[in-house]
């Protein structure tokens, strides 16, 4: 990630800053995340928001957004130089955050872990929905959320490789592994097996 420099936006192609400040040449634009961001980028953006938002009140930072509900990007406009040409505190803090991201990748590892786990659990729920037509549920429908979290815990303990996320977009375990867990732990019963039990 490149450090912020005064007037960085002026080099962008096909870009126009609507209603810029009068000293726009002293400002830098920093889009921290967009609709296609990875989990780590979203996590870092959350921390950046917490650190940079206080500078909005001081006038050296503005929250910026572009796009629409489908395609969007968000971040900050940061005053890098004050009226005397001296570096601002907001600018220094912003570039310190960028240095941390470049060196460590994550600004808050625990926040990232929570987000990655939440996406994985959501994906497990989606996989279960895809598999439902082939099985008979052996648990009440209202327990579905608990079952999904149970399966995540089983994967974490016995099938950790299924929770690998090389694309940083959320783990998507193999449907066959989820299916085996559901049957083995008695959450579901194969429809054919149920039919045989009834004969």
N, C-alpha and C. Protein backbone atom coordinates (compact mmCIF):
# COMPACT_ATOMS: atom_id res chain seq x y z
N UNK A 1 0.85 -1.19 0.00
CA UNK A 1 0.00 0.00 0.00
C UNK A 1 0.89 1.24 0.00
N UNK A 2 0.63 2.13 -0.94
CA UNK A 2 1.44 3.35 -1.03
C UNK A 2 1.09 4.33 0.08
N UNK A 3 2.12 5.03 0.56
CA UNK A 3 1.87 6.08 1.55
C UNK A 3 1.12 7.24 0.91
N UNK A 4 0.43 7.99 1.77
CA UNK A 4 -0.32 9.15 1.29
C UNK A 4 0.61 10.33 1.06
N UNK A 5 0.37 11.02 -0.03
CA UNK A 5 1.14 12.23 -0.34
C UNK A 5 0.17 13.34 -0.71
N UNK A 6 0.53 14.59 -0.43
CA UNK A 6 -0.37 15.70 -0.79
C UNK A 6 -0.68 15.69 -2.28
N UNK A 7 -1.96 15.81 -2.61
CA UNK A 7 -2.37 15.89 -4.00
C UNK A 7 -2.30 14.57 -4.76
N UNK A 8 -2.27 13.46 -4.06
CA UNK A 8 -2.17 12.16 -4.75
C UNK A 8 -3.32 11.95 -5.74
N UNK A 9 -4.47 12.50 -5.42
CA UNK A 9 -5.66 12.31 -6.25
C UNK A 9 -5.50 12.96 -7.64
N UNK A 10 -4.63 13.94 -7.76
CA UNK A 10 -4.48 14.66 -9.02
C UNK A 10 -3.87 13.79 -10.12
N UNK A 11 -3.25 12.67 -9.72
CA UNK A 11 -2.63 11.79 -10.71
C UNK A 11 -3.57 10.68 -11.17
N UNK A 12 -4.77 10.61 -10.57
CA UNK A 12 -5.69 9.53 -10.91
C UNK A 12 -6.40 9.83 -12.22
N UNK A 13 -6.49 8.84 -13.08
CA UNK A 13 -7.18 9.01 -14.35
C UNK A 13 -8.70 8.89 -14.14
N UNK A 14 -9.43 9.65 -14.95
CA UNK A 14 -10.90 9.61 -14.94
C UNK A 14 -11.46 9.87 -13.55
N UNK A 15 -10.84 10.81 -12.83
CA UNK A 15 -11.30 11.13 -11.48
C UNK A 15 -11.53 12.62 -11.35
N UNK A 16 -12.62 12.97 -10.71
CA UNK A 16 -12.91 14.37 -10.40
C UNK A 16 -13.39 14.45 -8.96
N UNK A 17 -12.76 15.30 -8.18
CA UNK A 17 -13.14 15.46 -6.77
C UNK A 17 -14.26 16.49 -6.70
N UNK A 18 -15.44 16.04 -6.32
CA UNK A 18 -16.59 16.93 -6.21
C UNK A 18 -16.50 17.69 -4.89
N UNK A 19 -16.63 19.00 -4.96
CA UNK A 19 -16.59 19.88 -3.79
C UNK A 19 -15.31 19.69 -2.96
N UNK A 20 -14.14 19.83 -3.57
CA UNK A 20 -12.90 19.70 -2.81
C UNK A 20 -12.67 20.91 -1.92
N UNK A 21 -11.83 20.78 -0.90
CA UNK A 21 -11.49 21.94 -0.06
C UNK A 21 -10.67 22.94 -0.88
N UNK A 22 -10.62 24.17 -0.40
CA UNK A 22 -9.92 25.21 -1.17
C UNK A 22 -8.42 24.94 -1.29
N UNK A 23 -7.88 24.18 -0.34
CA UNK A 23 -6.45 23.83 -0.41
C UNK A 23 -6.29 22.36 -0.77
N UNK A 24 -7.02 21.93 -1.78
CA UNK A 24 -7.05 20.51 -2.15
C UNK A 24 -5.67 19.94 -2.44
N UNK A 25 -4.75 20.79 -2.88
CA UNK A 25 -3.40 20.30 -3.19
C UNK A 25 -2.67 19.80 -1.94
N UNK A 26 -3.16 20.18 -0.75
CA UNK A 26 -2.55 19.74 0.50
C UNK A 26 -3.18 18.46 1.04
N UNK A 27 -4.19 17.96 0.34
CA UNK A 27 -4.94 16.80 0.83
C UNK A 27 -4.61 15.55 0.02
N UNK A 28 -4.80 14.41 0.66
CA UNK A 28 -4.67 13.11 -0.01
C UNK A 28 -5.96 12.33 0.18
N UNK A 29 -6.33 11.56 -0.82
CA UNK A 29 -7.50 10.69 -0.72
C UNK A 29 -7.05 9.26 -0.45
N UNK A 30 -7.77 8.58 0.42
CA UNK A 30 -7.40 7.24 0.85
C UNK A 30 -8.64 6.36 0.91
N UNK A 31 -8.83 5.56 -0.14
CA UNK A 31 -9.95 4.62 -0.13
C UNK A 31 -9.48 3.34 0.56
N UNK A 32 -10.05 3.08 1.73
CA UNK A 32 -9.59 1.98 2.57
C UNK A 32 -10.23 0.64 2.22
N UNK A 33 -11.44 0.65 1.65
CA UNK A 33 -12.09 -0.61 1.28
C UNK A 33 -13.20 -0.33 0.29
N UNK A 34 -13.60 -1.41 -0.41
CA UNK A 34 -14.67 -1.29 -1.38
C UNK A 34 -15.51 -2.55 -1.39
N UNK A 35 -16.42 -2.66 -2.36
CA UNK A 35 -17.38 -3.77 -2.39
C UNK A 35 -16.71 -5.12 -2.66
N UNK A 36 -15.47 -5.11 -3.12
CA UNK A 36 -14.76 -6.36 -3.43
C UNK A 36 -13.61 -6.63 -2.45
N UNK A 37 -13.56 -5.92 -1.36
CA UNK A 37 -12.44 -6.04 -0.43
C UNK A 37 -12.39 -7.41 0.23
N UNK A 38 -11.17 -7.83 0.55
CA UNK A 38 -10.97 -9.07 1.29
C UNK A 38 -11.32 -8.85 2.76
N UNK A 39 -11.36 -9.95 3.50
CA UNK A 39 -11.68 -9.85 4.93
C UNK A 39 -10.62 -9.03 5.66
N UNK A 40 -9.35 -9.22 5.32
CA UNK A 40 -8.30 -8.46 5.99
C UNK A 40 -8.42 -6.97 5.70
N UNK A 41 -8.79 -6.62 4.46
CA UNK A 41 -8.96 -5.21 4.12
C UNK A 41 -10.12 -4.59 4.89
N UNK A 42 -11.21 -5.34 5.02
CA UNK A 42 -12.37 -4.84 5.77
C UNK A 42 -12.02 -4.69 7.24
N UNK A 43 -11.29 -5.65 7.77
CA UNK A 43 -10.86 -5.57 9.17
C UNK A 43 -9.95 -4.36 9.39
N UNK A 44 -8.98 -4.18 8.48
CA UNK A 44 -8.09 -3.02 8.61
C UNK A 44 -8.87 -1.72 8.49
N UNK A 45 -9.85 -1.68 7.59
CA UNK A 45 -10.65 -0.46 7.41
C UNK A 45 -11.41 -0.12 8.68
N UNK A 46 -11.87 -1.13 9.40
CA UNK A 46 -12.58 -0.91 10.67
C UNK A 46 -11.67 -0.22 11.68
N UNK A 47 -10.43 -0.70 11.77
CA UNK A 47 -9.47 -0.09 12.70
C UNK A 47 -9.10 1.32 12.24
N UNK A 48 -8.90 1.47 10.94
CA UNK A 48 -8.58 2.80 10.40
C UNK A 48 -9.68 3.79 10.73
N UNK A 49 -10.94 3.36 10.57
CA UNK A 49 -12.07 4.23 10.89
C UNK A 49 -12.00 4.71 12.34
N UNK A 50 -11.73 3.80 13.25
CA UNK A 50 -11.69 4.15 14.67
C UNK A 50 -10.57 5.15 14.96
N UNK A 51 -9.43 4.96 14.28
CA UNK A 51 -8.27 5.83 14.54
C UNK A 51 -8.43 7.19 13.87
N UNK A 52 -8.95 7.22 12.64
CA UNK A 52 -8.98 8.46 11.87
C UNK A 52 -10.22 9.33 12.13
N UNK A 53 -11.33 8.72 12.51
CA UNK A 53 -12.57 9.49 12.68
C UNK A 53 -12.43 10.67 13.65
N UNK A 54 -11.70 10.54 14.75
CA UNK A 54 -11.55 11.70 15.65
C UNK A 54 -10.97 12.94 14.95
N UNK A 55 -10.20 12.76 13.90
CA UNK A 55 -9.60 13.90 13.21
C UNK A 55 -10.62 14.63 12.33
N UNK A 56 -11.78 14.01 12.12
CA UNK A 56 -12.84 14.68 11.35
C UNK A 56 -13.29 15.94 12.09
N UNK A 57 -13.43 15.83 13.41
CA UNK A 57 -13.87 16.98 14.21
C UNK A 57 -12.86 18.12 14.15
N UNK A 58 -11.59 17.78 14.01
CA UNK A 58 -10.56 18.81 13.95
C UNK A 58 -10.45 19.46 12.58
N UNK A 59 -11.15 18.91 11.61
CA UNK A 59 -11.14 19.51 10.27
C UNK A 59 -10.04 19.04 9.35
N UNK A 60 -9.20 18.11 9.83
CA UNK A 60 -8.10 17.63 8.99
C UNK A 60 -8.42 16.32 8.29
N UNK A 61 -9.63 15.83 8.46
CA UNK A 61 -10.03 14.58 7.83
C UNK A 61 -11.50 14.65 7.44
N UNK A 62 -11.82 14.08 6.29
CA UNK A 62 -13.21 13.98 5.85
C UNK A 62 -13.49 12.53 5.45
N UNK A 63 -14.67 12.05 5.77
CA UNK A 63 -15.09 10.72 5.33
C UNK A 63 -15.55 10.84 3.88
N UNK A 64 -15.07 9.94 3.02
CA UNK A 64 -15.44 10.01 1.60
C UNK A 64 -16.06 8.69 1.16
N UNK A 65 -16.98 8.79 0.23
CA UNK A 65 -17.62 7.62 -0.37
C UNK A 65 -17.84 7.90 -1.85
N UNK A 66 -17.81 6.85 -2.65
CA UNK A 66 -18.16 6.99 -4.06
C UNK A 66 -18.84 5.71 -4.53
N UNK A 67 -19.57 5.82 -5.61
CA UNK A 67 -20.25 4.66 -6.14
C UNK A 67 -21.71 4.59 -5.74
N UNK A 68 -22.26 3.39 -5.80
CA UNK A 68 -23.67 3.18 -5.46
C UNK A 68 -23.80 1.96 -4.56
N UNK A 69 -25.02 1.45 -4.41
CA UNK A 69 -25.24 0.34 -3.51
C UNK A 69 -24.55 -0.94 -3.99
N UNK A 70 -24.31 -1.05 -5.28
CA UNK A 70 -23.70 -2.26 -5.84
C UNK A 70 -22.18 -2.13 -5.92
N UNK A 71 -21.71 -1.02 -6.44
CA UNK A 71 -20.27 -0.79 -6.56
C UNK A 71 -19.91 0.48 -5.79
N UNK A 72 -19.13 0.31 -4.74
CA UNK A 72 -18.82 1.45 -3.89
C UNK A 72 -17.40 1.33 -3.32
N UNK A 73 -16.92 2.47 -2.83
CA UNK A 73 -15.63 2.52 -2.14
C UNK A 73 -15.74 3.58 -1.05
N UNK A 74 -15.05 3.34 0.06
CA UNK A 74 -15.11 4.28 1.18
C UNK A 74 -13.72 4.50 1.75
N UNK A 75 -13.57 5.63 2.41
CA UNK A 75 -12.28 5.94 3.01
C UNK A 75 -12.25 7.34 3.58
N UNK A 76 -11.10 7.99 3.45
CA UNK A 76 -10.92 9.31 4.05
C UNK A 76 -10.17 10.24 3.10
N UNK A 77 -10.51 11.51 3.20
CA UNK A 77 -9.67 12.57 2.65
C UNK A 77 -8.88 13.11 3.84
N UNK A 78 -7.57 13.20 3.68
CA UNK A 78 -6.71 13.57 4.80
C UNK A 78 -5.88 14.79 4.43
N UNK A 79 -5.96 15.83 5.27
CA UNK A 79 -5.10 17.00 5.05
C UNK A 79 -3.67 16.62 5.47
N UNK A 80 -2.77 16.62 4.52
CA UNK A 80 -1.40 16.20 4.79
C UNK A 80 -0.52 17.36 5.24
N UNK A 81 -0.82 18.58 4.75
CA UNK A 81 -0.04 19.77 5.09
C UNK A 81 -0.98 20.86 5.60
N UNK A 82 -0.57 21.58 6.62
CA UNK A 82 -1.39 22.67 7.11
C UNK A 82 -1.11 23.94 6.29
N UNK A 83 -1.69 25.05 6.70
CA UNK A 83 -1.57 26.30 5.94
C UNK A 83 -0.12 26.78 5.84
N UNK A 84 0.71 26.35 6.78
CA UNK A 84 2.12 26.75 6.78
C UNK A 84 3.02 25.74 6.07
N UNK A 85 2.40 24.71 5.50
CA UNK A 85 3.17 23.69 4.80
C UNK A 85 3.78 22.62 5.70
N UNK A 86 3.36 22.61 6.97
CA UNK A 86 3.89 21.62 7.91
C UNK A 86 3.02 20.36 7.89
N UNK A 87 3.61 19.17 8.09
CA UNK A 87 2.82 17.93 8.13
C UNK A 87 1.81 17.96 9.27
N UNK A 88 0.62 17.47 8.99
CA UNK A 88 -0.43 17.43 10.02
C UNK A 88 -0.34 16.13 10.81
N UNK A 89 -0.91 16.16 12.01
CA UNK A 89 -0.95 14.95 12.83
C UNK A 89 -1.78 13.87 12.14
N UNK A 90 -2.88 14.27 11.51
CA UNK A 90 -3.73 13.31 10.80
C UNK A 90 -2.95 12.60 9.70
N UNK A 91 -2.15 13.34 8.97
CA UNK A 91 -1.34 12.75 7.91
C UNK A 91 -0.31 11.78 8.43
N UNK A 92 0.33 12.16 9.54
CA UNK A 92 1.33 11.27 10.14
C UNK A 92 0.70 9.98 10.63
N UNK A 93 -0.46 10.11 11.27
CA UNK A 93 -1.14 8.92 11.79
C UNK A 93 -1.57 8.00 10.64
N UNK A 94 -2.10 8.60 9.58
CA UNK A 94 -2.54 7.81 8.43
C UNK A 94 -1.37 7.01 7.84
N UNK A 95 -0.25 7.65 7.67
CA UNK A 95 0.90 6.95 7.10
C UNK A 95 1.51 5.94 8.06
N UNK A 96 1.39 6.19 9.36
CA UNK A 96 1.82 5.19 10.35
C UNK A 96 0.98 3.92 10.21
N UNK A 97 -0.33 4.10 10.00
CA UNK A 97 -1.22 2.95 9.82
C UNK A 97 -0.84 2.18 8.55
N UNK A 98 -0.54 2.91 7.51
CA UNK A 98 -0.13 2.26 6.25
C UNK A 98 1.16 1.49 6.45
N UNK A 99 2.11 2.05 7.21
CA UNK A 99 3.36 1.34 7.51
C UNK A 99 3.08 0.03 8.24
N UNK A 100 2.16 0.08 9.20
CA UNK A 100 1.82 -1.13 9.96
C UNK A 100 1.21 -2.19 9.05
N UNK A 101 0.32 -1.76 8.15
CA UNK A 101 -0.30 -2.70 7.22
C UNK A 101 0.75 -3.33 6.32
N UNK A 102 1.65 -2.51 5.81
CA UNK A 102 2.69 -3.02 4.92
C UNK A 102 3.63 -3.99 5.62
N UNK A 103 3.86 -3.77 6.91
CA UNK A 103 4.80 -4.62 7.65
C UNK A 103 4.14 -5.88 8.20
N UNK A 104 2.93 -5.73 8.76
CA UNK A 104 2.29 -6.85 9.46
C UNK A 104 1.07 -7.43 8.73
N UNK A 105 0.51 -6.69 7.80
CA UNK A 105 -0.67 -7.17 7.08
C UNK A 105 -1.98 -6.85 7.75
N UNK A 106 -2.02 -7.00 9.07
CA UNK A 106 -3.24 -6.75 9.84
C UNK A 106 -2.99 -5.71 10.92
N UNK A 107 -4.00 -4.87 11.15
CA UNK A 107 -3.92 -3.89 12.23
C UNK A 107 -4.48 -4.45 13.53
N UNK A 108 -5.38 -5.41 13.43
CA UNK A 108 -6.01 -6.00 14.62
C UNK A 108 -6.30 -7.46 14.31
N UNK A 109 -5.41 -8.35 14.74
CA UNK A 109 -5.54 -9.76 14.39
C UNK A 109 -6.79 -10.39 14.98
N UNK A 110 -7.16 -10.01 16.20
CA UNK A 110 -8.36 -10.60 16.82
C UNK A 110 -9.62 -10.20 16.07
N UNK A 111 -9.67 -8.95 15.59
CA UNK A 111 -10.83 -8.52 14.80
C UNK A 111 -10.91 -9.31 13.50
N UNK A 112 -9.76 -9.51 12.86
CA UNK A 112 -9.74 -10.29 11.62
C UNK A 112 -10.21 -11.71 11.87
N UNK A 113 -9.72 -12.33 12.95
CA UNK A 113 -10.10 -13.71 13.26
C UNK A 113 -11.60 -13.83 13.46
N UNK A 114 -12.19 -12.88 14.17
CA UNK A 114 -13.64 -12.90 14.40
C UNK A 114 -14.40 -12.77 13.09
N UNK A 115 -13.95 -11.89 12.22
CA UNK A 115 -14.62 -11.69 10.94
C UNK A 115 -14.49 -12.93 10.05
N UNK A 116 -13.29 -13.52 10.01
CA UNK A 116 -13.07 -14.71 9.19
C UNK A 116 -13.93 -15.87 9.69
N UNK A 117 -14.04 -16.00 11.00
CA UNK A 117 -14.87 -17.06 11.57
C UNK A 117 -16.34 -16.84 11.23
N UNK A 118 -16.79 -15.60 11.32
CA UNK A 118 -18.20 -15.28 11.03
C UNK A 118 -18.54 -15.60 9.57
N UNK A 119 -17.62 -15.27 8.66
CA UNK A 119 -17.87 -15.56 7.24
C UNK A 119 -17.87 -17.07 7.00
N UNK A 120 -16.95 -17.79 7.63
CA UNK A 120 -16.91 -19.25 7.48
C UNK A 120 -18.19 -19.89 7.98
N UNK A 121 -18.69 -19.44 9.12
CA UNK A 121 -19.94 -19.97 9.67
C UNK A 121 -21.11 -19.67 8.73
N UNK A 122 -21.11 -18.47 8.19
CA UNK A 122 -22.16 -18.10 7.22
C UNK A 122 -22.10 -19.00 5.99
N UNK A 123 -20.90 -19.29 5.52
CA UNK A 123 -20.74 -20.16 4.35
C UNK A 123 -21.17 -21.60 4.65
N UNK A 124 -20.88 -22.06 5.86
CA UNK A 124 -21.33 -23.40 6.24
C UNK A 124 -22.85 -23.47 6.20
N UNK A 125 -23.52 -22.42 6.67
CA UNK A 125 -24.97 -22.37 6.61
C UNK A 125 -25.48 -22.44 5.18
N UNK A 126 -24.78 -21.78 4.27
CA UNK A 126 -25.17 -21.81 2.86
C UNK A 126 -25.00 -23.21 2.28
N UNK A 127 -23.91 -23.88 2.66
CA UNK A 127 -23.67 -25.24 2.18
C UNK A 127 -24.78 -26.17 2.68
N UNK A 128 -25.16 -26.01 3.93
CA UNK A 128 -26.23 -26.84 4.48
C UNK A 128 -27.53 -26.62 3.70
N UNK A 129 -27.82 -25.39 3.36
CA UNK A 129 -29.02 -25.10 2.57
C UNK A 129 -28.98 -25.81 1.22
N UNK A 130 -27.78 -25.88 0.62
CA UNK A 130 -27.64 -26.56 -0.66
C UNK A 130 -27.86 -28.06 -0.54
N UNK A 131 -27.49 -28.62 0.62
CA UNK A 131 -27.57 -30.07 0.82
C UNK A 131 -28.92 -30.54 1.33
N UNK A 132 -29.72 -29.66 1.87
CA UNK A 132 -30.97 -30.04 2.54
C UNK A 132 -31.88 -30.94 1.71
N UNK A 133 -32.06 -30.69 0.40
CA UNK A 133 -33.01 -31.53 -0.35
C UNK A 133 -32.67 -33.02 -0.35
N UNK A 134 -31.43 -33.38 -0.04
CA UNK A 134 -31.01 -34.78 -0.10
C UNK A 134 -31.09 -35.50 1.24
N UNK A 135 -31.51 -34.78 2.28
CA UNK A 135 -31.48 -35.38 3.61
C UNK A 135 -32.75 -35.07 4.39
N UNK A 136 -32.93 -35.85 5.46
CA UNK A 136 -34.02 -35.61 6.41
C UNK A 136 -33.40 -35.07 7.68
N UNK A 137 -33.88 -33.94 8.14
CA UNK A 137 -33.33 -33.34 9.35
C UNK A 137 -33.77 -34.14 10.57
N UNK A 138 -32.85 -34.37 11.47
CA UNK A 138 -33.16 -35.08 12.71
C UNK A 138 -33.10 -34.15 13.92
N UNK A 139 -33.17 -32.86 13.65
CA UNK A 139 -33.15 -31.86 14.72
C UNK A 139 -34.17 -30.78 14.39
N UNK A 140 -34.69 -30.08 15.42
CA UNK A 140 -35.68 -29.03 15.16
C UNK A 140 -35.10 -27.92 14.30
N UNK A 141 -35.94 -27.34 13.43
CA UNK A 141 -35.48 -26.30 12.52
C UNK A 141 -34.88 -25.12 13.27
N UNK A 142 -35.42 -24.81 14.46
CA UNK A 142 -34.94 -23.63 15.18
C UNK A 142 -33.53 -23.81 15.72
N UNK A 143 -32.99 -25.04 15.67
CA UNK A 143 -31.64 -25.29 16.16
C UNK A 143 -30.59 -25.16 15.06
N UNK A 144 -31.02 -24.78 13.86
CA UNK A 144 -30.10 -24.73 12.73
C UNK A 144 -28.86 -23.90 13.03
N UNK A 145 -29.05 -22.73 13.63
CA UNK A 145 -27.91 -21.85 13.90
C UNK A 145 -26.91 -22.52 14.83
N UNK A 146 -27.41 -23.23 15.86
CA UNK A 146 -26.51 -23.93 16.78
C UNK A 146 -25.76 -25.04 16.06
N UNK A 147 -26.43 -25.75 15.14
CA UNK A 147 -25.79 -26.83 14.41
C UNK A 147 -24.65 -26.29 13.56
N UNK A 148 -24.87 -25.16 12.91
CA UNK A 148 -23.84 -24.56 12.07
C UNK A 148 -22.59 -24.25 12.89
N UNK A 149 -22.77 -23.70 14.07
CA UNK A 149 -21.63 -23.39 14.93
C UNK A 149 -20.96 -24.67 15.43
N UNK A 150 -21.77 -25.72 15.68
CA UNK A 150 -21.20 -27.01 16.08
C UNK A 150 -20.30 -27.56 14.96
N UNK A 151 -20.79 -27.46 13.73
CA UNK A 151 -20.03 -27.98 12.60
C UNK A 151 -18.72 -27.21 12.44
N UNK A 152 -18.77 -25.91 12.64
CA UNK A 152 -17.54 -25.11 12.57
C UNK A 152 -16.54 -25.63 13.61
N UNK A 153 -17.01 -25.89 14.82
CA UNK A 153 -16.12 -26.38 15.87
C UNK A 153 -15.54 -27.74 15.51
N UNK A 154 -16.35 -28.60 14.89
CA UNK A 154 -15.87 -29.93 14.47
C UNK A 154 -14.80 -29.77 13.38
N UNK A 155 -15.06 -28.90 12.43
CA UNK A 155 -14.07 -28.64 11.38
C UNK A 155 -12.77 -28.12 11.98
N UNK A 156 -12.89 -27.20 12.90
CA UNK A 156 -11.71 -26.59 13.51
C UNK A 156 -10.86 -27.64 14.22
N UNK A 157 -11.55 -28.63 14.85
CA UNK A 157 -10.83 -29.64 15.63
C UNK A 157 -10.32 -30.80 14.77
N UNK A 158 -11.16 -31.25 13.83
CA UNK A 158 -10.83 -32.48 13.10
C UNK A 158 -10.49 -32.28 11.62
N UNK A 159 -10.93 -31.18 11.05
CA UNK A 159 -10.68 -30.91 9.63
C UNK A 159 -10.19 -29.48 9.43
N UNK A 160 -9.12 -29.09 10.11
CA UNK A 160 -8.69 -27.68 10.05
C UNK A 160 -8.38 -27.18 8.65
N UNK A 161 -7.93 -28.08 7.78
CA UNK A 161 -7.61 -27.64 6.41
C UNK A 161 -8.84 -27.16 5.66
N UNK A 162 -10.03 -27.60 6.09
CA UNK A 162 -11.27 -27.16 5.44
C UNK A 162 -11.57 -25.69 5.73
N UNK A 163 -10.89 -25.13 6.71
CA UNK A 163 -11.11 -23.73 7.07
C UNK A 163 -10.02 -22.83 6.52
N UNK A 164 -9.16 -23.40 5.68
CA UNK A 164 -8.15 -22.57 5.01
C UNK A 164 -8.84 -21.56 4.09
N UNK A 165 -8.26 -20.39 4.01
CA UNK A 165 -8.88 -19.31 3.22
C UNK A 165 -7.80 -18.60 2.40
N UNK A 166 -7.27 -19.25 1.38
CA UNK A 166 -6.16 -18.66 0.62
C UNK A 166 -6.51 -17.37 -0.10
N UNK A 167 -7.79 -17.18 -0.42
CA UNK A 167 -8.20 -15.97 -1.14
C UNK A 167 -8.60 -14.84 -0.20
N UNK A 168 -8.61 -15.12 1.13
CA UNK A 168 -8.98 -14.09 2.11
C UNK A 168 -10.39 -13.56 1.87
N UNK A 169 -11.28 -14.44 1.41
CA UNK A 169 -12.67 -14.05 1.18
C UNK A 169 -13.64 -14.88 2.00
N UNK A 170 -13.13 -15.79 2.81
CA UNK A 170 -13.98 -16.63 3.64
C UNK A 170 -13.84 -18.10 3.28
N UNK A 171 -13.62 -18.94 4.28
CA UNK A 171 -13.47 -20.37 4.05
C UNK A 171 -14.77 -20.97 3.51
N UNK A 172 -14.63 -21.89 2.57
CA UNK A 172 -15.78 -22.60 2.00
C UNK A 172 -15.45 -24.09 2.03
N UNK A 173 -15.81 -24.79 3.13
CA UNK A 173 -15.48 -26.22 3.24
C UNK A 173 -16.14 -27.04 2.13
N UNK A 174 -15.55 -28.20 1.86
CA UNK A 174 -16.10 -29.08 0.84
C UNK A 174 -17.47 -29.61 1.27
N UNK A 175 -18.39 -29.64 0.32
CA UNK A 175 -19.74 -30.10 0.63
C UNK A 175 -19.72 -31.54 1.15
N UNK A 176 -18.85 -32.37 0.59
CA UNK A 176 -18.78 -33.77 1.02
C UNK A 176 -18.40 -33.90 2.48
N UNK A 177 -17.48 -33.05 2.94
CA UNK A 177 -17.05 -33.09 4.34
C UNK A 177 -18.19 -32.65 5.26
N UNK A 178 -18.89 -31.59 4.88
CA UNK A 178 -20.03 -31.13 5.67
C UNK A 178 -21.10 -32.22 5.73
N UNK A 179 -21.35 -32.84 4.59
CA UNK A 179 -22.34 -33.92 4.52
C UNK A 179 -21.98 -35.05 5.46
N UNK A 180 -20.72 -35.48 5.44
CA UNK A 180 -20.27 -36.57 6.31
C UNK A 180 -20.45 -36.22 7.78
N UNK A 181 -20.14 -34.99 8.14
CA UNK A 181 -20.28 -34.56 9.54
C UNK A 181 -21.74 -34.58 9.96
N UNK A 182 -22.61 -34.07 9.11
CA UNK A 182 -24.04 -34.02 9.43
C UNK A 182 -24.60 -35.41 9.69
N UNK A 183 -24.20 -36.36 8.89
CA UNK A 183 -24.70 -37.73 9.04
C UNK A 183 -24.03 -38.43 10.21
N UNK A 184 -22.70 -38.30 10.29
CA UNK A 184 -21.95 -39.00 11.33
C UNK A 184 -22.36 -38.57 12.73
N UNK A 185 -22.63 -37.27 12.89
CA UNK A 185 -22.98 -36.77 14.22
C UNK A 185 -24.49 -36.76 14.46
N UNK A 186 -25.24 -37.32 13.54
CA UNK A 186 -26.66 -37.52 13.76
C UNK A 186 -27.54 -36.31 13.54
N UNK A 187 -27.01 -35.29 12.87
CA UNK A 187 -27.84 -34.12 12.60
C UNK A 187 -28.82 -34.39 11.47
N UNK A 188 -28.37 -35.19 10.51
CA UNK A 188 -29.20 -35.51 9.35
C UNK A 188 -29.21 -37.00 9.12
N UNK A 189 -30.21 -37.44 8.35
CA UNK A 189 -30.29 -38.83 7.92
C UNK A 189 -30.54 -38.86 6.42
N UNK A 190 -29.79 -39.71 5.72
CA UNK A 190 -29.97 -39.85 4.29
C UNK A 190 -31.39 -40.31 3.99
N UNK A 191 -32.03 -39.71 3.00
CA UNK A 191 -33.41 -40.06 2.66
C UNK A 191 -33.54 -41.53 2.30
N UNK A 192 -32.55 -42.10 1.60
CA UNK A 192 -32.61 -43.51 1.24
C UNK A 192 -32.55 -44.40 2.47
N UNK A 193 -31.69 -44.01 3.42
CA UNK A 193 -31.60 -44.77 4.64
C UNK A 193 -32.90 -44.75 5.43
N UNK A 194 -33.54 -43.54 5.44
CA UNK A 194 -34.81 -43.42 6.16
C UNK A 194 -35.86 -44.33 5.53
N UNK A 195 -35.86 -44.38 4.18
CA UNK A 195 -36.82 -45.22 3.49
C UNK A 195 -36.58 -46.69 3.80
N UNK A 196 -35.30 -47.08 3.91
CA UNK A 196 -35.00 -48.47 4.23
C UNK A 196 -35.40 -48.80 5.66
N UNK A 197 -35.27 -47.81 6.56
CA UNK A 197 -35.64 -48.06 7.96
C UNK A 197 -37.13 -48.30 8.08
N UNK A 198 -37.90 -47.71 7.18
CA UNK A 198 -39.35 -47.83 7.27
C UNK A 198 -39.86 -49.12 6.68
N UNK A 199 -39.02 -49.86 5.91
CA UNK A 199 -39.47 -51.12 5.30
C UNK A 199 -39.34 -52.29 6.26
